[in-house]
């Protein structure tokens, strides 16, 4: 019979993972079979720099957490060695980092994920990875917002220069 302390620790871990699933804006499930320690360390470093947590989990524990978080549609992807990336703020970065790493290291495969509470497949994760980063999107938005103001300022400047031009020739 299992030790009650062990059962309590596992239940606590399930609760922690379920909370991460609920709180994350983007969660990606991967199969890391075949990656060596150096490759996993490099992947963890890249993810950590982007503020993304990467955790290796037992599938049974992950299934209990998905049941607790009402994400049982993710269970079909919880097979084989499973590592999950949790991102609270950014949706694009984990998808971009993991798919780029998978391109360079064919041992890593992206299985599926949860984006803002919806279970999505590899195709949607790949589509997210192809989007510009959050900073890139913000700079595009900023340039779109600045364009009308810049154009108005240029028009006012042109009108002012046009009005100043004849006035200076008449005075001379």
N, C-alpha and C. Protein backbone atom coordinates (compact mmCIF):
# COMPACT_ATOMS: atom_id res chain seq x y z
N UNK A 1 0.84 -1.18 0.00
CA UNK A 1 0.00 0.00 0.00
C UNK A 1 0.89 1.25 0.00
N UNK A 2 0.47 2.25 -0.72
CA UNK A 2 1.26 3.47 -0.86
C UNK A 2 1.27 4.27 0.43
N UNK A 3 2.35 4.88 0.67
CA UNK A 3 2.54 5.72 1.83
C UNK A 3 1.65 6.95 1.71
N UNK A 4 0.98 7.35 2.79
CA UNK A 4 0.08 8.50 2.73
C UNK A 4 0.83 9.79 2.43
N UNK A 5 2.06 9.88 2.90
CA UNK A 5 2.87 11.07 2.61
C UNK A 5 3.16 11.17 1.12
N UNK A 6 3.47 10.03 0.48
CA UNK A 6 3.73 10.00 -0.97
C UNK A 6 2.47 10.40 -1.74
N UNK A 7 1.34 9.89 -1.30
CA UNK A 7 0.07 10.22 -1.96
C UNK A 7 -0.21 11.71 -1.85
N UNK A 8 0.04 12.28 -0.68
CA UNK A 8 -0.18 13.72 -0.48
C UNK A 8 0.74 14.54 -1.37
N UNK A 9 2.00 14.11 -1.49
CA UNK A 9 2.95 14.84 -2.34
C UNK A 9 2.53 14.79 -3.80
N UNK A 10 2.06 13.62 -4.25
CA UNK A 10 1.60 13.50 -5.64
C UNK A 10 0.36 14.35 -5.88
N UNK A 11 -0.57 14.35 -4.92
CA UNK A 11 -1.78 15.17 -5.06
C UNK A 11 -1.43 16.65 -5.12
N UNK A 12 -0.45 17.05 -4.31
CA UNK A 12 0.00 18.45 -4.33
C UNK A 12 0.62 18.80 -5.68
N UNK A 13 1.42 17.88 -6.23
CA UNK A 13 2.06 18.11 -7.53
C UNK A 13 0.99 18.21 -8.63
N UNK A 14 -0.04 17.36 -8.57
CA UNK A 14 -1.14 17.42 -9.54
C UNK A 14 -1.82 18.78 -9.47
N UNK A 15 -2.04 19.27 -8.26
CA UNK A 15 -2.67 20.58 -8.07
C UNK A 15 -1.82 21.69 -8.66
N UNK A 16 -0.51 21.62 -8.45
CA UNK A 16 0.41 22.64 -8.97
C UNK A 16 0.38 22.64 -10.50
N UNK A 17 0.45 21.45 -11.10
CA UNK A 17 0.44 21.37 -12.57
C UNK A 17 -0.91 21.83 -13.12
N UNK A 18 -2.00 21.45 -12.46
CA UNK A 18 -3.34 21.89 -12.90
C UNK A 18 -3.45 23.41 -12.85
N UNK A 19 -2.90 24.01 -11.81
CA UNK A 19 -2.91 25.48 -11.70
C UNK A 19 -2.09 26.11 -12.82
N UNK A 20 -0.96 25.51 -13.15
CA UNK A 20 -0.14 26.02 -14.25
C UNK A 20 -0.90 25.93 -15.57
N UNK A 21 -1.62 24.83 -15.77
CA UNK A 21 -2.42 24.67 -17.00
C UNK A 21 -3.50 25.74 -17.08
N UNK A 22 -4.12 26.04 -15.95
CA UNK A 22 -5.19 27.05 -15.92
C UNK A 22 -4.64 28.47 -16.10
N UNK A 23 -3.48 28.75 -15.49
CA UNK A 23 -2.92 30.10 -15.48
C UNK A 23 -2.13 30.45 -16.73
N UNK A 24 -1.67 29.45 -17.46
CA UNK A 24 -0.83 29.71 -18.63
C UNK A 24 -1.66 30.18 -19.81
N UNK A 25 -1.13 31.18 -20.52
CA UNK A 25 -1.79 31.59 -21.75
C UNK A 25 -1.44 30.64 -22.88
N UNK A 26 -0.27 29.98 -22.76
CA UNK A 26 0.15 29.00 -23.77
C UNK A 26 0.90 27.86 -23.08
N UNK A 27 0.46 26.65 -23.36
CA UNK A 27 1.10 25.44 -22.84
C UNK A 27 1.36 24.54 -24.03
N UNK A 28 2.58 24.02 -24.15
CA UNK A 28 2.92 23.17 -25.29
C UNK A 28 3.47 21.84 -24.79
N UNK A 29 2.92 20.76 -25.33
CA UNK A 29 3.33 19.41 -24.97
C UNK A 29 4.33 18.91 -26.02
N UNK A 30 5.46 18.41 -25.55
CA UNK A 30 6.50 17.93 -26.46
C UNK A 30 6.93 16.51 -26.10
N UNK A 31 7.53 15.85 -27.07
CA UNK A 31 8.18 14.55 -26.87
C UNK A 31 9.67 14.80 -27.04
N UNK A 32 10.43 14.57 -25.98
CA UNK A 32 11.86 14.87 -26.00
C UNK A 32 12.72 13.63 -26.17
N UNK A 33 12.12 12.51 -26.53
CA UNK A 33 12.84 11.24 -26.65
C UNK A 33 14.03 11.37 -27.60
N UNK A 34 15.20 10.99 -27.11
CA UNK A 34 16.39 11.01 -27.94
C UNK A 34 17.28 12.22 -27.75
N UNK A 35 16.79 13.27 -27.07
CA UNK A 35 17.64 14.44 -26.82
C UNK A 35 18.64 14.10 -25.73
N UNK A 36 19.87 14.55 -25.91
CA UNK A 36 20.86 14.32 -24.86
C UNK A 36 20.82 15.45 -23.85
N UNK A 37 21.58 15.31 -22.79
CA UNK A 37 21.56 16.28 -21.69
C UNK A 37 21.95 17.68 -22.18
N UNK A 38 22.93 17.77 -23.05
CA UNK A 38 23.38 19.06 -23.57
C UNK A 38 22.26 19.75 -24.34
N UNK A 39 21.55 18.99 -25.17
CA UNK A 39 20.46 19.56 -25.96
C UNK A 39 19.30 20.02 -25.06
N UNK A 40 18.94 19.21 -24.07
CA UNK A 40 17.85 19.60 -23.17
C UNK A 40 18.25 20.83 -22.36
N UNK A 41 19.50 20.88 -21.93
CA UNK A 41 19.99 22.04 -21.18
C UNK A 41 19.91 23.30 -22.04
N UNK A 42 20.30 23.21 -23.29
CA UNK A 42 20.23 24.36 -24.21
C UNK A 42 18.78 24.80 -24.41
N UNK A 43 17.89 23.83 -24.60
CA UNK A 43 16.46 24.16 -24.77
C UNK A 43 15.91 24.84 -23.53
N UNK A 44 16.22 24.29 -22.36
CA UNK A 44 15.75 24.90 -21.10
C UNK A 44 16.28 26.33 -20.96
N UNK A 45 17.53 26.55 -21.35
CA UNK A 45 18.12 27.89 -21.25
C UNK A 45 17.37 28.88 -22.13
N UNK A 46 17.09 28.47 -23.37
CA UNK A 46 16.36 29.35 -24.29
C UNK A 46 14.97 29.67 -23.75
N UNK A 47 14.30 28.66 -23.23
CA UNK A 47 12.95 28.87 -22.70
C UNK A 47 12.99 29.73 -21.44
N UNK A 48 13.94 29.48 -20.56
CA UNK A 48 14.05 30.25 -19.32
C UNK A 48 14.30 31.73 -19.62
N UNK A 49 15.15 32.02 -20.61
CA UNK A 49 15.43 33.41 -20.99
C UNK A 49 14.17 34.13 -21.46
N UNK A 50 13.21 33.36 -22.02
CA UNK A 50 11.96 33.95 -22.48
C UNK A 50 10.88 33.92 -21.40
N UNK A 51 11.23 33.46 -20.20
CA UNK A 51 10.26 33.42 -19.10
C UNK A 51 9.29 32.26 -19.19
N UNK A 52 9.72 31.17 -19.80
CA UNK A 52 8.88 30.00 -20.01
C UNK A 52 9.40 28.85 -19.15
N UNK A 53 8.51 28.20 -18.43
CA UNK A 53 8.89 27.06 -17.61
C UNK A 53 8.76 25.78 -18.42
N UNK A 54 9.75 24.91 -18.35
CA UNK A 54 9.77 23.66 -19.09
C UNK A 54 9.94 22.53 -18.09
N UNK A 55 8.98 21.61 -18.06
CA UNK A 55 8.96 20.60 -17.02
C UNK A 55 8.70 19.22 -17.61
N UNK A 56 9.49 18.23 -17.21
CA UNK A 56 9.27 16.84 -17.59
C UNK A 56 8.28 16.26 -16.59
N UNK A 57 7.21 15.65 -17.11
CA UNK A 57 6.16 15.11 -16.24
C UNK A 57 5.83 13.67 -16.60
N UNK A 58 5.42 12.93 -15.59
CA UNK A 58 4.89 11.60 -15.85
C UNK A 58 3.51 11.78 -16.48
N UNK A 59 3.18 10.95 -17.44
CA UNK A 59 1.90 11.08 -18.14
C UNK A 59 0.72 10.88 -17.20
N UNK A 60 0.82 9.96 -16.26
CA UNK A 60 -0.29 9.71 -15.33
C UNK A 60 -0.56 10.96 -14.49
N UNK A 61 0.50 11.62 -14.03
CA UNK A 61 0.34 12.85 -13.26
C UNK A 61 -0.24 13.95 -14.14
N UNK A 62 0.24 14.05 -15.38
CA UNK A 62 -0.26 15.08 -16.30
C UNK A 62 -1.74 14.85 -16.62
N UNK A 63 -2.15 13.60 -16.75
CA UNK A 63 -3.56 13.30 -17.04
C UNK A 63 -4.46 13.71 -15.87
N UNK A 64 -3.98 13.46 -14.66
CA UNK A 64 -4.77 13.89 -13.48
C UNK A 64 -4.89 15.41 -13.46
N UNK A 65 -3.80 16.09 -13.82
CA UNK A 65 -3.82 17.56 -13.84
C UNK A 65 -4.76 18.08 -14.93
N UNK A 66 -4.76 17.44 -16.11
CA UNK A 66 -5.66 17.89 -17.18
C UNK A 66 -7.11 17.65 -16.79
N UNK A 67 -7.39 16.57 -16.07
CA UNK A 67 -8.75 16.32 -15.60
C UNK A 67 -9.18 17.40 -14.62
N UNK A 68 -8.27 17.79 -13.75
CA UNK A 68 -8.56 18.82 -12.76
C UNK A 68 -8.75 20.19 -13.42
N UNK A 69 -8.05 20.42 -14.53
CA UNK A 69 -8.13 21.72 -15.23
C UNK A 69 -9.15 21.72 -16.37
N UNK A 70 -9.94 20.64 -16.49
CA UNK A 70 -10.94 20.50 -17.56
C UNK A 70 -10.31 20.61 -18.95
N UNK A 71 -9.17 19.94 -19.13
CA UNK A 71 -8.48 19.93 -20.42
C UNK A 71 -8.18 18.48 -20.85
N UNK A 72 -9.16 17.61 -20.66
CA UNK A 72 -8.94 16.19 -20.95
C UNK A 72 -8.70 15.92 -22.44
N UNK A 73 -9.03 16.85 -23.31
CA UNK A 73 -8.75 16.67 -24.75
C UNK A 73 -7.25 16.59 -25.00
N UNK A 74 -6.45 17.04 -24.06
CA UNK A 74 -4.99 17.00 -24.19
C UNK A 74 -4.44 15.60 -23.88
N UNK A 75 -5.25 14.75 -23.23
CA UNK A 75 -4.78 13.43 -22.79
C UNK A 75 -4.28 12.55 -23.92
N UNK A 76 -4.87 12.66 -25.10
CA UNK A 76 -4.45 11.81 -26.22
C UNK A 76 -3.00 12.09 -26.64
N UNK A 77 -2.47 13.25 -26.28
CA UNK A 77 -1.10 13.61 -26.64
C UNK A 77 -0.09 13.28 -25.53
N UNK A 78 -0.60 12.78 -24.41
CA UNK A 78 0.26 12.47 -23.28
C UNK A 78 0.71 11.01 -23.35
N UNK A 79 1.56 10.74 -24.33
CA UNK A 79 2.13 9.41 -24.51
C UNK A 79 3.63 9.55 -24.70
N UNK A 80 4.36 8.53 -24.29
CA UNK A 80 5.81 8.59 -24.41
C UNK A 80 6.40 9.61 -23.46
N UNK A 81 7.70 9.87 -23.58
CA UNK A 81 8.33 10.87 -22.71
C UNK A 81 7.74 12.26 -22.99
N UNK A 82 7.21 12.86 -21.95
CA UNK A 82 6.49 14.12 -22.13
C UNK A 82 7.14 15.24 -21.32
N UNK A 83 7.36 16.36 -21.98
CA UNK A 83 7.80 17.59 -21.32
C UNK A 83 6.84 18.69 -21.76
N UNK A 84 6.49 19.54 -20.82
CA UNK A 84 5.50 20.57 -21.08
C UNK A 84 6.10 21.95 -20.80
N UNK A 85 5.86 22.87 -21.72
CA UNK A 85 6.31 24.25 -21.57
C UNK A 85 5.10 25.10 -21.18
N UNK A 86 5.25 25.88 -20.11
CA UNK A 86 4.18 26.75 -19.60
C UNK A 86 4.61 28.20 -19.76
N UNK A 87 3.77 29.01 -20.40
CA UNK A 87 4.05 30.43 -20.54
C UNK A 87 2.84 31.22 -20.06
N UNK A 88 3.05 32.07 -19.07
CA UNK A 88 1.93 32.84 -18.51
C UNK A 88 1.54 34.02 -19.39
N UNK A 89 2.53 34.72 -19.96
CA UNK A 89 2.25 35.98 -20.63
C UNK A 89 2.25 35.90 -22.15
N UNK A 90 3.22 35.23 -22.70
CA UNK A 90 3.44 35.26 -24.15
C UNK A 90 2.93 33.98 -24.80
N UNK A 91 2.18 34.13 -25.87
CA UNK A 91 1.65 32.98 -26.60
C UNK A 91 2.61 32.56 -27.71
N UNK A 92 3.26 33.50 -28.33
CA UNK A 92 4.07 33.23 -29.51
C UNK A 92 5.45 32.66 -29.17
N UNK A 93 6.10 33.19 -28.15
CA UNK A 93 7.48 32.79 -27.83
C UNK A 93 7.67 31.29 -27.61
N UNK A 94 6.83 30.63 -26.79
CA UNK A 94 7.07 29.19 -26.61
C UNK A 94 6.93 28.40 -27.91
N UNK A 95 5.94 28.77 -28.70
CA UNK A 95 5.74 28.08 -29.98
C UNK A 95 6.94 28.30 -30.90
N UNK A 96 7.42 29.54 -30.95
CA UNK A 96 8.56 29.88 -31.81
C UNK A 96 9.83 29.16 -31.35
N UNK A 97 10.13 29.19 -30.06
CA UNK A 97 11.35 28.57 -29.54
C UNK A 97 11.32 27.06 -29.75
N UNK A 98 10.19 26.43 -29.41
CA UNK A 98 10.11 24.96 -29.52
C UNK A 98 10.12 24.48 -30.96
N UNK A 99 9.41 25.16 -31.86
CA UNK A 99 9.42 24.71 -33.26
C UNK A 99 10.77 24.97 -33.92
N UNK A 100 11.41 26.09 -33.58
CA UNK A 100 12.75 26.35 -34.12
C UNK A 100 13.75 25.31 -33.61
N UNK A 101 13.66 24.97 -32.33
CA UNK A 101 14.55 23.96 -31.76
C UNK A 101 14.29 22.60 -32.40
N UNK A 102 13.02 22.29 -32.66
CA UNK A 102 12.66 21.01 -33.28
C UNK A 102 13.19 20.92 -34.71
N UNK A 103 13.28 22.07 -35.41
CA UNK A 103 13.84 22.07 -36.77
C UNK A 103 15.32 21.71 -36.75
N UNK A 104 16.03 22.19 -35.74
CA UNK A 104 17.46 21.94 -35.63
C UNK A 104 17.77 20.58 -35.01
N UNK A 105 16.87 20.09 -34.16
CA UNK A 105 17.05 18.82 -33.46
C UNK A 105 15.83 17.95 -33.71
N UNK A 106 15.94 17.06 -34.66
CA UNK A 106 14.78 16.27 -35.06
C UNK A 106 14.29 15.31 -33.98
N UNK A 107 15.00 15.20 -32.88
CA UNK A 107 14.57 14.33 -31.78
C UNK A 107 13.42 14.95 -30.99
N UNK A 108 13.34 16.27 -30.97
CA UNK A 108 12.25 16.95 -30.26
C UNK A 108 11.06 17.06 -31.20
N UNK A 109 9.90 16.68 -30.70
CA UNK A 109 8.69 16.87 -31.51
C UNK A 109 7.63 17.58 -30.68
N UNK A 110 7.00 18.54 -31.30
CA UNK A 110 5.90 19.27 -30.68
C UNK A 110 4.63 18.50 -30.99
N UNK A 111 3.90 18.12 -29.94
CA UNK A 111 2.70 17.30 -30.13
C UNK A 111 1.44 18.16 -30.23
N UNK A 112 1.20 18.98 -29.24
CA UNK A 112 -0.03 19.78 -29.17
C UNK A 112 0.16 20.83 -28.10
N UNK A 113 -0.92 21.52 -27.79
CA UNK A 113 -0.83 22.53 -26.75
C UNK A 113 -2.18 23.06 -26.34
N UNK A 114 -2.13 24.01 -25.43
CA UNK A 114 -3.33 24.71 -24.97
C UNK A 114 -3.03 26.19 -25.14
N UNK A 115 -3.86 26.86 -25.93
CA UNK A 115 -3.69 28.30 -26.14
C UNK A 115 -4.95 28.99 -25.65
N UNK A 116 -4.77 29.80 -24.61
CA UNK A 116 -5.86 30.53 -23.98
C UNK A 116 -7.06 29.62 -23.69
N UNK A 117 -6.77 28.45 -23.11
CA UNK A 117 -7.82 27.54 -22.66
C UNK A 117 -8.35 26.57 -23.70
N UNK A 118 -7.87 26.64 -24.93
CA UNK A 118 -8.33 25.74 -25.99
C UNK A 118 -7.21 24.79 -26.39
N UNK A 119 -7.54 23.50 -26.49
CA UNK A 119 -6.55 22.52 -26.92
C UNK A 119 -6.38 22.65 -28.43
N UNK A 120 -5.11 22.77 -28.86
CA UNK A 120 -4.80 22.93 -30.28
C UNK A 120 -3.77 21.89 -30.70
N UNK A 121 -3.76 21.57 -31.97
CA UNK A 121 -2.81 20.59 -32.51
C UNK A 121 -1.53 21.24 -32.98
N UNK A 122 -0.68 20.42 -33.56
CA UNK A 122 0.63 20.89 -34.03
C UNK A 122 0.49 21.99 -35.08
N UNK A 123 -0.49 21.88 -35.97
CA UNK A 123 -0.64 22.88 -37.04
C UNK A 123 -0.88 24.28 -36.48
N UNK A 124 -1.71 24.37 -35.44
CA UNK A 124 -1.96 25.68 -34.83
C UNK A 124 -0.72 26.20 -34.10
N UNK A 125 0.02 25.29 -33.46
CA UNK A 125 1.26 25.70 -32.79
C UNK A 125 2.25 26.23 -33.83
N UNK A 126 2.34 25.54 -34.95
CA UNK A 126 3.24 25.96 -36.04
C UNK A 126 2.81 27.33 -36.58
N UNK A 127 1.51 27.54 -36.73
CA UNK A 127 1.01 28.83 -37.19
C UNK A 127 1.37 29.94 -36.20
N UNK A 128 1.29 29.65 -34.91
CA UNK A 128 1.69 30.63 -33.90
C UNK A 128 3.18 30.96 -34.01
N UNK A 129 3.98 29.93 -34.27
CA UNK A 129 5.42 30.12 -34.38
C UNK A 129 5.78 31.02 -35.55
N UNK A 130 4.95 31.03 -36.58
CA UNK A 130 5.23 31.84 -37.76
C UNK A 130 4.85 33.31 -37.57
N UNK A 131 4.12 33.62 -36.49
CA UNK A 131 3.76 35.01 -36.20
C UNK A 131 4.99 35.77 -35.70
N UNK A 132 4.99 37.09 -35.88
CA UNK A 132 6.09 37.87 -35.30
C UNK A 132 6.01 37.83 -33.78
N UNK A 133 7.11 38.12 -33.12
CA UNK A 133 7.13 38.12 -31.66
C UNK A 133 6.24 39.23 -31.12
N UNK A 134 6.02 39.22 -29.82
CA UNK A 134 5.19 40.24 -29.18
C UNK A 134 5.77 41.63 -29.43
N UNK A 135 7.08 41.76 -29.31
CA UNK A 135 7.73 43.05 -29.54
C UNK A 135 7.57 43.48 -30.99
N UNK A 136 7.68 42.52 -31.91
CA UNK A 136 7.50 42.83 -33.33
C UNK A 136 6.09 43.31 -33.63
N UNK A 137 5.11 42.64 -33.02
CA UNK A 137 3.71 43.06 -33.22
C UNK A 137 3.46 44.44 -32.63
N UNK A 138 4.03 44.71 -31.45
CA UNK A 138 3.85 46.02 -30.84
C UNK A 138 4.49 47.12 -31.68
N UNK A 139 5.65 46.85 -32.27
CA UNK A 139 6.29 47.88 -33.11
C UNK A 139 5.48 48.11 -34.38
N UNK A 140 4.89 47.05 -34.94
CA UNK A 140 4.02 47.22 -36.12
C UNK A 140 2.80 48.06 -35.76
N UNK A 141 2.21 47.77 -34.60
CA UNK A 141 1.04 48.53 -34.16
C UNK A 141 1.41 49.99 -33.94
N UNK A 142 2.55 50.22 -33.33
CA UNK A 142 2.99 51.59 -33.08
C UNK A 142 3.19 52.36 -34.38
N UNK A 143 3.80 51.71 -35.38
CA UNK A 143 4.02 52.42 -36.64
C UNK A 143 2.70 52.70 -37.35
N UNK A 144 1.72 51.81 -37.21
CA UNK A 144 0.40 52.04 -37.81
C UNK A 144 -0.29 53.21 -37.11
N UNK A 145 -0.14 53.29 -35.79
CA UNK A 145 -0.76 54.37 -35.05
C UNK A 145 -0.08 55.71 -35.29
N UNK A 146 1.22 55.69 -35.54
CA UNK A 146 1.97 56.93 -35.76
C UNK A 146 1.80 57.49 -37.18
N UNK A 147 1.48 56.66 -38.14
CA UNK A 147 1.41 57.09 -39.54
C UNK A 147 0.46 58.26 -39.76
N UNK A 148 -0.78 58.25 -39.27
CA UNK A 148 -1.67 59.40 -39.52
C UNK A 148 -1.13 60.70 -38.90
N UNK A 149 -0.56 60.60 -37.70
CA UNK A 149 -0.03 61.79 -37.05
C UNK A 149 1.16 62.33 -37.84
N UNK A 150 2.03 61.44 -38.30
CA UNK A 150 3.21 61.84 -39.08
C UNK A 150 2.77 62.50 -40.40
N UNK A 151 1.80 61.89 -41.07
CA UNK A 151 1.30 62.44 -42.33
C UNK A 151 0.66 63.82 -42.13
N UNK A 152 -0.08 63.99 -41.03
CA UNK A 152 -0.70 65.27 -40.72
C UNK A 152 0.38 66.32 -40.46
N UNK A 153 1.41 65.95 -39.71
CA UNK A 153 2.50 66.88 -39.41
C UNK A 153 3.22 67.29 -40.70
N UNK A 154 3.45 66.35 -41.60
CA UNK A 154 4.09 66.68 -42.88
C UNK A 154 3.21 67.61 -43.71
N UNK A 155 1.91 67.38 -43.69
CA UNK A 155 0.99 68.25 -44.45
C UNK A 155 0.99 69.66 -43.88
N UNK A 156 0.96 69.80 -42.56
CA UNK A 156 0.99 71.12 -41.92
C UNK A 156 2.30 71.82 -42.25
N UNK A 157 3.39 71.08 -42.21
CA UNK A 157 4.70 71.65 -42.52
C UNK A 157 4.75 72.14 -43.97
N UNK A 158 4.19 71.35 -44.88
CA UNK A 158 4.18 71.73 -46.30
C UNK A 158 3.35 72.99 -46.51
N UNK A 159 2.20 73.08 -45.85
CA UNK A 159 1.35 74.27 -45.97
C UNK A 159 2.09 75.48 -45.40
N UNK A 160 2.76 75.31 -44.27
CA UNK A 160 3.48 76.42 -43.65
C UNK A 160 4.62 76.88 -44.56
N UNK A 161 5.34 75.94 -45.17
CA UNK A 161 6.43 76.31 -46.07
C UNK A 161 5.91 77.01 -47.31
N UNK A 162 4.76 76.57 -47.79
CA UNK A 162 4.18 77.18 -48.98
C UNK A 162 3.75 78.62 -48.69
N UNK A 163 3.19 78.83 -47.52
CA UNK A 163 2.75 80.18 -47.16
C UNK A 163 3.93 81.09 -46.87
N UNK A 164 5.02 80.55 -46.33
CA UNK A 164 6.20 81.36 -46.04
C UNK A 164 6.94 81.73 -47.33
N UNK A 165 6.93 80.85 -48.32
CA UNK A 165 7.66 81.06 -49.56
C UNK A 165 7.27 82.36 -50.26
N UNK A 166 6.01 82.61 -50.66
CA UNK A 166 5.64 83.85 -51.34
C UNK A 166 5.79 85.10 -50.48
N UNK A 167 5.60 84.96 -49.17
CA UNK A 167 5.71 86.11 -48.29
C UNK A 167 7.14 86.64 -48.27
N UNK A 168 8.13 85.80 -48.31
CA UNK A 168 9.51 86.26 -48.28
C UNK A 168 9.91 86.89 -49.61
N UNK A 169 9.34 86.46 -50.73
CA UNK A 169 9.70 87.05 -52.03
C UNK A 169 9.03 88.41 -52.21
N UNK A 170 7.88 88.65 -51.62
CA UNK A 170 7.20 89.92 -51.75
C UNK A 170 7.90 91.01 -50.92
N UNK A 171 8.47 90.61 -49.79
CA UNK A 171 9.15 91.56 -48.92
C UNK A 171 10.44 92.05 -49.56
N UNK A 172 11.08 91.27 -50.38
CA UNK A 172 12.38 91.65 -50.93
C UNK A 172 12.32 92.64 -52.00
